[in-house]
N, C-alpha and C. Protein backbone atom coordinates (compact mmCIF):
# COMPACT_ATOMS: atom_id res chain seq x y z
N UNK A 1 196.28 203.10 58.24
CA UNK A 1 197.17 202.74 57.16
C UNK A 1 198.43 203.60 57.25
N UNK A 2 199.55 202.93 57.47
CA UNK A 2 200.85 203.59 57.41
C UNK A 2 201.28 203.60 55.95
N UNK A 3 202.07 204.60 55.57
CA UNK A 3 202.66 204.57 54.24
C UNK A 3 204.07 205.13 54.30
N UNK A 4 204.84 204.73 53.33
CA UNK A 4 206.16 205.32 53.09
C UNK A 4 206.39 205.22 51.60
N UNK A 5 206.29 206.36 50.93
CA UNK A 5 206.47 206.38 49.49
C UNK A 5 207.89 206.77 49.10
N UNK A 6 208.82 206.66 50.07
CA UNK A 6 210.23 206.86 49.75
C UNK A 6 210.69 205.74 48.81
N UNK A 7 211.75 206.01 48.05
CA UNK A 7 212.34 204.95 47.24
C UNK A 7 212.83 203.84 48.17
N UNK A 8 212.76 202.62 47.70
CA UNK A 8 213.06 201.46 48.54
C UNK A 8 214.50 201.44 49.03
N UNK A 9 215.43 202.06 48.32
CA UNK A 9 216.82 202.04 48.78
C UNK A 9 216.98 202.82 50.09
N UNK A 10 215.99 203.63 50.46
CA UNK A 10 216.06 204.37 51.71
C UNK A 10 215.58 203.56 52.92
N UNK A 11 215.03 202.40 52.69
CA UNK A 11 214.50 201.58 53.78
C UNK A 11 215.65 200.77 54.40
N UNK A 12 216.09 201.22 55.55
CA UNK A 12 217.17 200.52 56.25
C UNK A 12 216.58 199.39 57.09
N UNK A 13 217.40 198.41 57.45
CA UNK A 13 216.90 197.34 58.33
C UNK A 13 216.34 197.88 59.65
N UNK A 14 216.96 198.92 60.21
CA UNK A 14 216.48 199.48 61.48
C UNK A 14 215.07 200.01 61.35
N UNK A 15 214.78 200.73 60.27
CA UNK A 15 213.44 201.27 60.09
C UNK A 15 212.45 200.18 59.72
N UNK A 16 212.87 199.22 58.92
CA UNK A 16 211.98 198.12 58.59
C UNK A 16 211.60 197.34 59.85
N UNK A 17 212.57 197.15 60.75
CA UNK A 17 212.28 196.50 62.03
C UNK A 17 211.21 197.28 62.81
N UNK A 18 211.38 198.59 62.88
CA UNK A 18 210.40 199.43 63.58
C UNK A 18 209.03 199.28 62.93
N UNK A 19 208.99 199.36 61.63
CA UNK A 19 207.71 199.27 60.93
C UNK A 19 207.03 197.93 61.17
N UNK A 20 207.79 196.86 61.18
CA UNK A 20 207.20 195.54 61.41
C UNK A 20 206.70 195.41 62.85
N UNK A 21 207.43 196.00 63.80
CA UNK A 21 206.93 196.00 65.19
C UNK A 21 205.62 196.80 65.27
N UNK A 22 205.54 197.89 64.52
CA UNK A 22 204.30 198.67 64.50
C UNK A 22 203.15 197.84 63.96
N UNK A 23 203.39 197.16 62.85
CA UNK A 23 202.31 196.34 62.27
C UNK A 23 201.88 195.25 63.23
N UNK A 24 202.82 194.65 63.93
CA UNK A 24 202.46 193.60 64.90
C UNK A 24 201.68 194.18 66.08
N UNK A 25 201.97 195.42 66.46
CA UNK A 25 201.34 195.99 67.66
C UNK A 25 200.06 196.77 67.38
N UNK A 26 199.77 197.02 66.12
CA UNK A 26 198.55 197.75 65.76
C UNK A 26 197.69 196.82 64.89
N UNK A 27 196.75 196.12 65.50
CA UNK A 27 195.92 195.16 64.77
C UNK A 27 195.24 195.80 63.56
N UNK A 28 195.28 195.06 62.45
CA UNK A 28 194.61 195.51 61.23
C UNK A 28 195.38 196.54 60.42
N UNK A 29 196.53 196.96 60.91
CA UNK A 29 197.30 197.97 60.18
C UNK A 29 198.02 197.35 58.99
N UNK A 30 198.30 198.21 58.02
CA UNK A 30 199.06 197.82 56.83
C UNK A 30 200.10 198.90 56.54
N UNK A 31 201.07 198.53 55.73
CA UNK A 31 202.11 199.46 55.31
C UNK A 31 202.07 199.55 53.80
N UNK A 32 201.84 200.77 53.31
CA UNK A 32 201.72 201.04 51.88
C UNK A 32 203.05 201.60 51.42
N UNK A 33 203.70 200.91 50.49
CA UNK A 33 205.02 201.29 50.00
C UNK A 33 204.97 201.59 48.51
N UNK A 34 205.93 202.36 48.06
CA UNK A 34 206.05 202.64 46.63
C UNK A 34 206.59 201.39 45.95
N UNK A 35 205.94 201.01 44.89
CA UNK A 35 206.34 199.80 44.17
C UNK A 35 207.66 200.02 43.46
N UNK A 36 208.57 199.10 43.67
CA UNK A 36 209.83 199.09 42.93
C UNK A 36 209.73 197.97 41.91
N UNK A 37 210.73 197.13 41.88
CA UNK A 37 210.66 195.97 40.99
C UNK A 37 210.21 194.74 41.78
N UNK A 38 210.01 193.64 41.09
CA UNK A 38 209.52 192.43 41.73
C UNK A 38 210.49 191.90 42.79
N UNK A 39 211.78 192.04 42.55
CA UNK A 39 212.78 191.57 43.51
C UNK A 39 212.64 192.32 44.84
N UNK A 40 212.46 193.63 44.76
CA UNK A 40 212.28 194.44 45.98
C UNK A 40 211.01 193.99 46.71
N UNK A 41 209.92 193.84 45.98
CA UNK A 41 208.66 193.41 46.60
C UNK A 41 208.83 192.05 47.28
N UNK A 42 209.43 191.10 46.57
CA UNK A 42 209.62 189.76 47.13
C UNK A 42 210.50 189.80 48.36
N UNK A 43 211.59 190.58 48.30
CA UNK A 43 212.50 190.67 49.44
C UNK A 43 211.82 191.29 50.66
N UNK A 44 211.09 192.38 50.45
CA UNK A 44 210.41 193.03 51.58
C UNK A 44 209.34 192.13 52.17
N UNK A 45 208.60 191.45 51.33
CA UNK A 45 207.59 190.51 51.84
C UNK A 45 208.23 189.36 52.61
N UNK A 46 209.34 188.86 52.10
CA UNK A 46 210.05 187.80 52.80
C UNK A 46 210.58 188.28 54.14
N UNK A 47 211.14 189.48 54.17
CA UNK A 47 211.64 190.05 55.42
C UNK A 47 210.51 190.32 56.41
N UNK A 48 209.35 190.71 55.90
CA UNK A 48 208.19 190.90 56.79
C UNK A 48 207.83 189.58 57.45
N UNK A 49 207.77 188.51 56.66
CA UNK A 49 207.44 187.19 57.22
C UNK A 49 208.47 186.76 58.25
N UNK A 50 209.74 187.02 57.98
CA UNK A 50 210.81 186.70 58.93
C UNK A 50 210.58 187.41 60.25
N UNK A 51 209.97 188.60 60.20
CA UNK A 51 209.73 189.40 61.40
C UNK A 51 208.33 189.18 61.97
N UNK A 52 207.64 188.14 61.50
CA UNK A 52 206.35 187.77 62.06
C UNK A 52 205.17 188.56 61.55
N UNK A 53 205.29 189.15 60.36
CA UNK A 53 204.21 189.94 59.76
C UNK A 53 203.79 189.28 58.45
N UNK A 54 202.48 189.12 58.26
CA UNK A 54 201.97 188.53 57.03
C UNK A 54 202.35 189.40 55.84
N UNK A 55 202.83 188.77 54.78
CA UNK A 55 203.28 189.49 53.58
C UNK A 55 202.18 190.37 53.00
N UNK A 56 200.93 189.96 53.17
CA UNK A 56 199.80 190.70 52.60
C UNK A 56 199.61 192.07 53.26
N UNK A 57 200.25 192.28 54.40
CA UNK A 57 200.11 193.57 55.08
C UNK A 57 201.03 194.63 54.49
N UNK A 58 201.86 194.22 53.53
CA UNK A 58 202.64 195.18 52.74
C UNK A 58 201.91 195.37 51.43
N UNK A 59 201.53 196.59 51.16
CA UNK A 59 200.80 196.92 49.94
C UNK A 59 201.71 197.80 49.09
N UNK A 60 201.79 197.50 47.80
CA UNK A 60 202.69 198.24 46.93
C UNK A 60 201.91 199.10 45.95
N UNK A 61 202.26 200.39 45.94
CA UNK A 61 201.60 201.37 45.08
C UNK A 61 202.41 201.55 43.80
N UNK A 62 201.79 201.33 42.66
CA UNK A 62 202.53 201.53 41.41
C UNK A 62 202.82 203.02 41.18
N UNK A 63 203.81 203.28 40.39
CA UNK A 63 204.11 204.66 40.03
C UNK A 63 203.00 205.15 39.10
N UNK A 64 202.50 206.35 39.40
CA UNK A 64 201.42 206.94 38.62
C UNK A 64 201.73 208.42 38.41
N UNK A 65 200.88 209.08 37.65
CA UNK A 65 201.03 210.51 37.41
C UNK A 65 200.97 211.27 38.74
N UNK A 66 201.60 212.42 38.77
CA UNK A 66 201.73 213.20 40.01
C UNK A 66 200.37 213.47 40.68
N UNK A 67 199.39 213.89 39.93
CA UNK A 67 198.07 214.19 40.51
C UNK A 67 197.46 212.95 41.16
N UNK A 68 197.60 211.81 40.51
CA UNK A 68 197.07 210.57 41.08
C UNK A 68 197.85 210.17 42.33
N UNK A 69 199.16 210.37 42.28
CA UNK A 69 200.00 210.05 43.45
C UNK A 69 199.60 210.92 44.64
N UNK A 70 199.42 212.21 44.41
CA UNK A 70 199.01 213.10 45.50
C UNK A 70 197.65 212.69 46.05
N UNK A 71 196.75 212.29 45.17
CA UNK A 71 195.41 211.88 45.59
C UNK A 71 195.40 210.66 46.48
N UNK A 72 196.32 209.75 46.26
CA UNK A 72 196.30 208.54 47.09
C UNK A 72 196.69 208.81 48.53
N UNK A 73 197.34 209.93 48.80
CA UNK A 73 197.70 210.28 50.17
C UNK A 73 196.46 210.45 51.06
N UNK A 74 195.34 210.74 50.46
CA UNK A 74 194.09 210.91 51.22
C UNK A 74 193.65 209.61 51.88
N UNK A 75 194.15 208.49 51.39
CA UNK A 75 193.73 207.18 51.89
C UNK A 75 194.64 206.63 52.98
N UNK A 76 195.74 207.31 53.25
CA UNK A 76 196.67 206.87 54.30
C UNK A 76 196.40 207.68 55.57
N UNK A 77 196.85 207.16 56.69
CA UNK A 77 196.68 207.84 57.97
C UNK A 77 197.94 208.54 58.45
N UNK A 78 199.10 207.96 58.14
CA UNK A 78 200.36 208.53 58.62
C UNK A 78 201.48 208.09 57.70
N UNK A 79 202.27 209.05 57.26
CA UNK A 79 203.44 208.76 56.45
C UNK A 79 204.64 208.56 57.37
N UNK A 80 205.34 207.44 57.18
CA UNK A 80 206.51 207.11 57.99
C UNK A 80 207.78 207.40 57.19
N UNK A 81 208.69 208.12 57.79
CA UNK A 81 209.91 208.51 57.12
C UNK A 81 211.04 207.56 57.48
N UNK A 82 212.19 207.75 56.86
CA UNK A 82 213.35 206.89 57.01
C UNK A 82 214.59 207.73 57.36
N UNK A 83 215.64 207.04 57.73
CA UNK A 83 216.98 207.61 57.91
C UNK A 83 217.98 206.55 57.44
N UNK A 84 219.17 206.89 57.05
CA UNK A 84 219.83 208.18 57.19
C UNK A 84 219.44 209.20 56.14
N UNK A 85 218.83 208.76 55.05
CA UNK A 85 218.34 209.70 54.04
C UNK A 85 216.82 209.74 54.14
N UNK A 86 216.28 210.88 54.55
CA UNK A 86 214.84 210.95 54.77
C UNK A 86 214.11 211.45 53.53
N UNK A 87 212.83 211.65 53.69
CA UNK A 87 211.98 212.09 52.59
C UNK A 87 212.25 213.55 52.26
N UNK A 88 212.38 213.83 51.00
CA UNK A 88 212.55 215.19 50.52
C UNK A 88 211.27 215.55 49.75
N UNK A 89 211.25 215.24 48.46
CA UNK A 89 210.04 215.47 47.67
C UNK A 89 208.87 214.66 48.23
N UNK A 90 209.16 213.45 48.71
CA UNK A 90 208.12 212.59 49.25
C UNK A 90 207.43 213.25 50.45
N UNK A 91 208.19 213.88 51.33
CA UNK A 91 207.59 214.57 52.48
C UNK A 91 206.81 215.78 52.01
N UNK A 92 207.37 216.51 51.07
CA UNK A 92 206.68 217.68 50.54
C UNK A 92 205.34 217.29 49.92
N UNK A 93 205.35 216.22 49.14
CA UNK A 93 204.10 215.73 48.52
C UNK A 93 203.07 215.36 49.58
N UNK A 94 203.50 214.60 50.59
CA UNK A 94 202.57 214.17 51.63
C UNK A 94 201.98 215.37 52.36
N UNK A 95 202.83 216.30 52.75
CA UNK A 95 202.34 217.48 53.49
C UNK A 95 201.41 218.31 52.62
N UNK A 96 201.77 218.48 51.37
CA UNK A 96 200.92 219.25 50.45
C UNK A 96 199.55 218.59 50.30
N UNK A 97 199.55 217.25 50.29
CA UNK A 97 198.29 216.51 50.15
C UNK A 97 197.52 216.44 51.47
N UNK A 98 198.12 216.93 52.56
CA UNK A 98 197.42 216.94 53.84
C UNK A 98 197.68 215.73 54.72
N UNK A 99 198.71 214.95 54.41
CA UNK A 99 199.02 213.75 55.18
C UNK A 99 200.17 214.04 56.15
N UNK A 100 199.94 213.86 57.45
CA UNK A 100 201.02 214.05 58.42
C UNK A 100 202.18 213.08 58.15
N UNK A 101 203.38 213.59 58.33
CA UNK A 101 204.61 212.83 58.14
C UNK A 101 205.32 212.74 59.49
N UNK A 102 205.68 211.54 59.89
CA UNK A 102 206.47 211.34 61.09
C UNK A 102 207.91 211.09 60.67
N UNK A 103 208.82 211.89 61.20
CA UNK A 103 210.23 211.73 60.86
C UNK A 103 211.08 211.70 62.12
N UNK A 104 212.32 211.36 61.93
CA UNK A 104 213.31 211.36 63.00
C UNK A 104 214.47 212.20 62.47
N UNK A 105 214.83 213.23 63.18
CA UNK A 105 215.86 214.14 62.71
C UNK A 105 217.22 213.44 62.68
N UNK A 106 217.87 213.55 61.52
CA UNK A 106 219.16 212.91 61.34
C UNK A 106 220.32 213.84 61.62
N UNK A 107 221.52 213.32 61.37
CA UNK A 107 222.75 214.07 61.65
C UNK A 107 223.31 214.79 60.43
N UNK A 108 222.72 214.57 59.27
CA UNK A 108 223.23 215.19 58.05
C UNK A 108 222.10 215.95 57.35
N UNK A 109 222.47 216.75 56.37
CA UNK A 109 221.46 217.47 55.60
C UNK A 109 220.41 216.51 55.04
N UNK A 110 220.88 215.40 54.46
CA UNK A 110 219.97 214.43 53.84
C UNK A 110 219.03 213.79 54.86
N UNK A 111 219.36 213.89 56.13
CA UNK A 111 218.52 213.32 57.18
C UNK A 111 217.72 214.34 57.95
N UNK A 112 217.74 215.60 57.48
CA UNK A 112 217.00 216.65 58.19
C UNK A 112 216.01 217.41 57.32
N UNK A 113 215.88 217.05 56.07
CA UNK A 113 215.00 217.78 55.16
C UNK A 113 213.55 217.70 55.62
N UNK A 114 213.08 216.50 55.93
CA UNK A 114 211.68 216.35 56.36
C UNK A 114 211.41 217.13 57.65
N UNK A 115 212.38 217.12 58.57
CA UNK A 115 212.21 217.89 59.81
C UNK A 115 212.11 219.38 59.50
N UNK A 116 212.88 219.85 58.54
CA UNK A 116 212.79 221.26 58.14
C UNK A 116 211.44 221.58 57.52
N UNK A 117 210.94 220.67 56.69
CA UNK A 117 209.62 220.88 56.08
C UNK A 117 208.53 220.90 57.14
N UNK A 118 208.63 220.00 58.11
CA UNK A 118 207.64 219.97 59.19
C UNK A 118 207.71 221.24 60.04
N UNK A 119 208.90 221.72 60.31
CA UNK A 119 209.04 222.97 61.06
C UNK A 119 208.42 224.13 60.29
N UNK A 120 208.68 224.18 58.99
CA UNK A 120 208.12 225.25 58.17
C UNK A 120 206.60 225.17 58.11
N UNK A 121 206.07 223.96 58.21
CA UNK A 121 204.62 223.77 58.17
C UNK A 121 203.99 223.92 59.55
N UNK A 122 204.79 224.27 60.55
CA UNK A 122 204.25 224.44 61.90
C UNK A 122 203.89 223.13 62.57
N UNK A 123 204.59 222.05 62.21
CA UNK A 123 204.28 220.72 62.73
C UNK A 123 205.52 220.08 63.38
N UNK A 124 206.25 220.81 64.21
CA UNK A 124 207.47 220.24 64.79
C UNK A 124 207.21 219.06 65.72
N UNK A 125 206.00 218.89 66.17
CA UNK A 125 205.68 217.77 67.07
C UNK A 125 205.79 216.42 66.36
N UNK A 126 205.96 216.43 65.03
CA UNK A 126 206.09 215.19 64.27
C UNK A 126 207.55 214.84 63.98
N UNK A 127 208.47 215.52 64.65
CA UNK A 127 209.90 215.23 64.50
C UNK A 127 210.38 214.56 65.78
N UNK A 128 210.69 213.28 65.67
CA UNK A 128 211.15 212.51 66.83
C UNK A 128 212.65 212.72 67.03
N UNK A 129 213.07 212.83 68.30
CA UNK A 129 214.49 213.03 68.57
C UNK A 129 215.32 211.74 68.53
N UNK A 130 214.66 210.58 68.50
CA UNK A 130 215.38 209.30 68.51
C UNK A 130 214.52 208.24 67.83
N UNK A 131 215.15 207.14 67.49
CA UNK A 131 214.40 206.03 66.88
C UNK A 131 213.36 205.47 67.85
N UNK A 132 213.72 205.40 69.12
CA UNK A 132 212.78 204.89 70.12
C UNK A 132 211.53 205.78 70.20
N UNK A 133 211.75 207.08 70.20
CA UNK A 133 210.63 208.02 70.27
C UNK A 133 209.82 207.99 68.98
N UNK A 134 210.47 207.82 67.84
CA UNK A 134 209.80 207.68 66.55
C UNK A 134 208.82 206.50 66.60
N UNK A 135 209.31 205.37 67.07
CA UNK A 135 208.46 204.19 67.15
C UNK A 135 207.31 204.40 68.12
N UNK A 136 207.61 204.98 69.28
CA UNK A 136 206.57 205.27 70.27
C UNK A 136 205.52 206.22 69.71
N UNK A 137 205.97 207.28 69.04
CA UNK A 137 205.03 208.25 68.47
C UNK A 137 204.16 207.62 67.39
N UNK A 138 204.74 206.80 66.54
CA UNK A 138 203.97 206.15 65.48
C UNK A 138 202.89 205.24 66.07
N UNK A 139 203.27 204.46 67.07
CA UNK A 139 202.31 203.55 67.71
C UNK A 139 201.19 204.35 68.40
N UNK A 140 201.57 205.40 69.11
CA UNK A 140 200.60 206.22 69.82
C UNK A 140 199.62 206.88 68.84
N UNK A 141 200.15 207.42 67.76
CA UNK A 141 199.29 208.07 66.76
C UNK A 141 198.37 207.06 66.09
N UNK A 142 198.90 205.88 65.78
CA UNK A 142 198.08 204.86 65.11
C UNK A 142 196.91 204.42 65.97
N UNK A 143 197.06 204.52 67.28
CA UNK A 143 196.00 204.10 68.20
C UNK A 143 195.08 205.25 68.60
N UNK A 144 195.31 206.43 68.02
CA UNK A 144 194.53 207.61 68.39
C UNK A 144 194.01 208.32 67.14
N UNK A 145 192.95 207.78 66.53
CA UNK A 145 192.42 208.36 65.29
C UNK A 145 192.04 209.84 65.43
N UNK A 146 191.58 210.24 66.62
CA UNK A 146 191.21 211.65 66.82
C UNK A 146 192.44 212.55 66.73
N UNK A 147 193.56 212.08 67.24
CA UNK A 147 194.81 212.86 67.15
C UNK A 147 195.27 212.97 65.70
N UNK A 148 195.12 211.90 64.93
CA UNK A 148 195.47 211.95 63.52
C UNK A 148 194.59 212.94 62.77
N UNK A 149 193.31 212.96 63.10
CA UNK A 149 192.39 213.93 62.47
C UNK A 149 192.81 215.34 62.84
N UNK A 150 193.14 215.56 64.11
CA UNK A 150 193.57 216.89 64.55
C UNK A 150 194.85 217.32 63.85
N UNK A 151 195.77 216.39 63.63
CA UNK A 151 197.00 216.73 62.91
C UNK A 151 196.71 217.11 61.47
N UNK A 152 195.80 216.38 60.83
CA UNK A 152 195.40 216.73 59.45
C UNK A 152 194.77 218.12 59.41
N UNK A 153 193.93 218.40 60.39
CA UNK A 153 193.28 219.71 60.42
C UNK A 153 194.30 220.82 60.64
N UNK A 154 195.23 220.60 61.53
CA UNK A 154 196.28 221.59 61.77
C UNK A 154 197.12 221.79 60.51
N UNK A 155 197.46 220.70 59.86
CA UNK A 155 198.24 220.78 58.63
C UNK A 155 197.48 221.55 57.55
N UNK A 156 196.19 221.31 57.43
CA UNK A 156 195.39 222.02 56.44
C UNK A 156 195.40 223.53 56.69
N UNK A 157 195.32 223.92 57.94
CA UNK A 157 195.35 225.34 58.29
C UNK A 157 196.73 225.92 58.04
N UNK A 158 197.76 225.19 58.42
CA UNK A 158 199.13 225.68 58.32
C UNK A 158 199.71 225.65 56.91
N UNK A 159 199.22 224.74 56.10
CA UNK A 159 199.85 224.48 54.81
C UNK A 159 200.03 225.74 53.97
N UNK A 160 198.99 226.47 53.76
CA UNK A 160 199.08 227.62 52.87
C UNK A 160 199.67 228.86 53.54
N UNK A 161 199.71 228.87 54.85
CA UNK A 161 200.23 230.04 55.54
C UNK A 161 201.58 229.79 56.21
N UNK A 162 202.28 228.74 55.79
CA UNK A 162 203.55 228.39 56.45
C UNK A 162 204.65 229.37 56.08
N UNK A 163 205.72 229.31 56.86
CA UNK A 163 206.86 230.23 56.68
C UNK A 163 207.46 230.10 55.28
N UNK A 164 207.44 228.92 54.74
CA UNK A 164 207.88 228.74 53.36
C UNK A 164 206.90 227.77 52.72
N UNK A 165 206.70 227.92 51.46
CA UNK A 165 205.76 227.06 50.76
C UNK A 165 206.21 225.62 50.84
N UNK A 166 205.32 224.74 51.22
CA UNK A 166 205.64 223.31 51.32
C UNK A 166 205.88 222.74 49.93
N UNK A 167 205.17 223.23 48.97
CA UNK A 167 205.30 222.65 47.63
C UNK A 167 205.76 223.67 46.65
């Protein structure tokens, strides 16, 4: 299960294209997104269908209390980040909850926050240098459950002893 709990305005066509290619190439995979309004849900589902992905493979998570939101991270396998504005609090929440975040380092402060959080958590291997590598890494990780488990274990060890507090 891929997830991206970033606000929907951060989902660019380039990243949505990557995500839809991932869903097509990883049988049985789904993308869990933060629920916005009905128009956003309808548009994203329509765009998924346009890209050859069944609308049902997009799952929308309603906004809930912080503790409940953190708890749902346990059910995802990999958090997918966006550019040009990447995850800030969203990445911090995922890492704190023990969910690996895959990001692509951007050219601005707003596009490098998640990479900084991953570096502080001792997880620089989850920072892709390009969109192509981001897509390759996501596909590779999705097909390697043991690697995802190892990343979670590493994150659990690193979380509390990182150079700066993740949360």
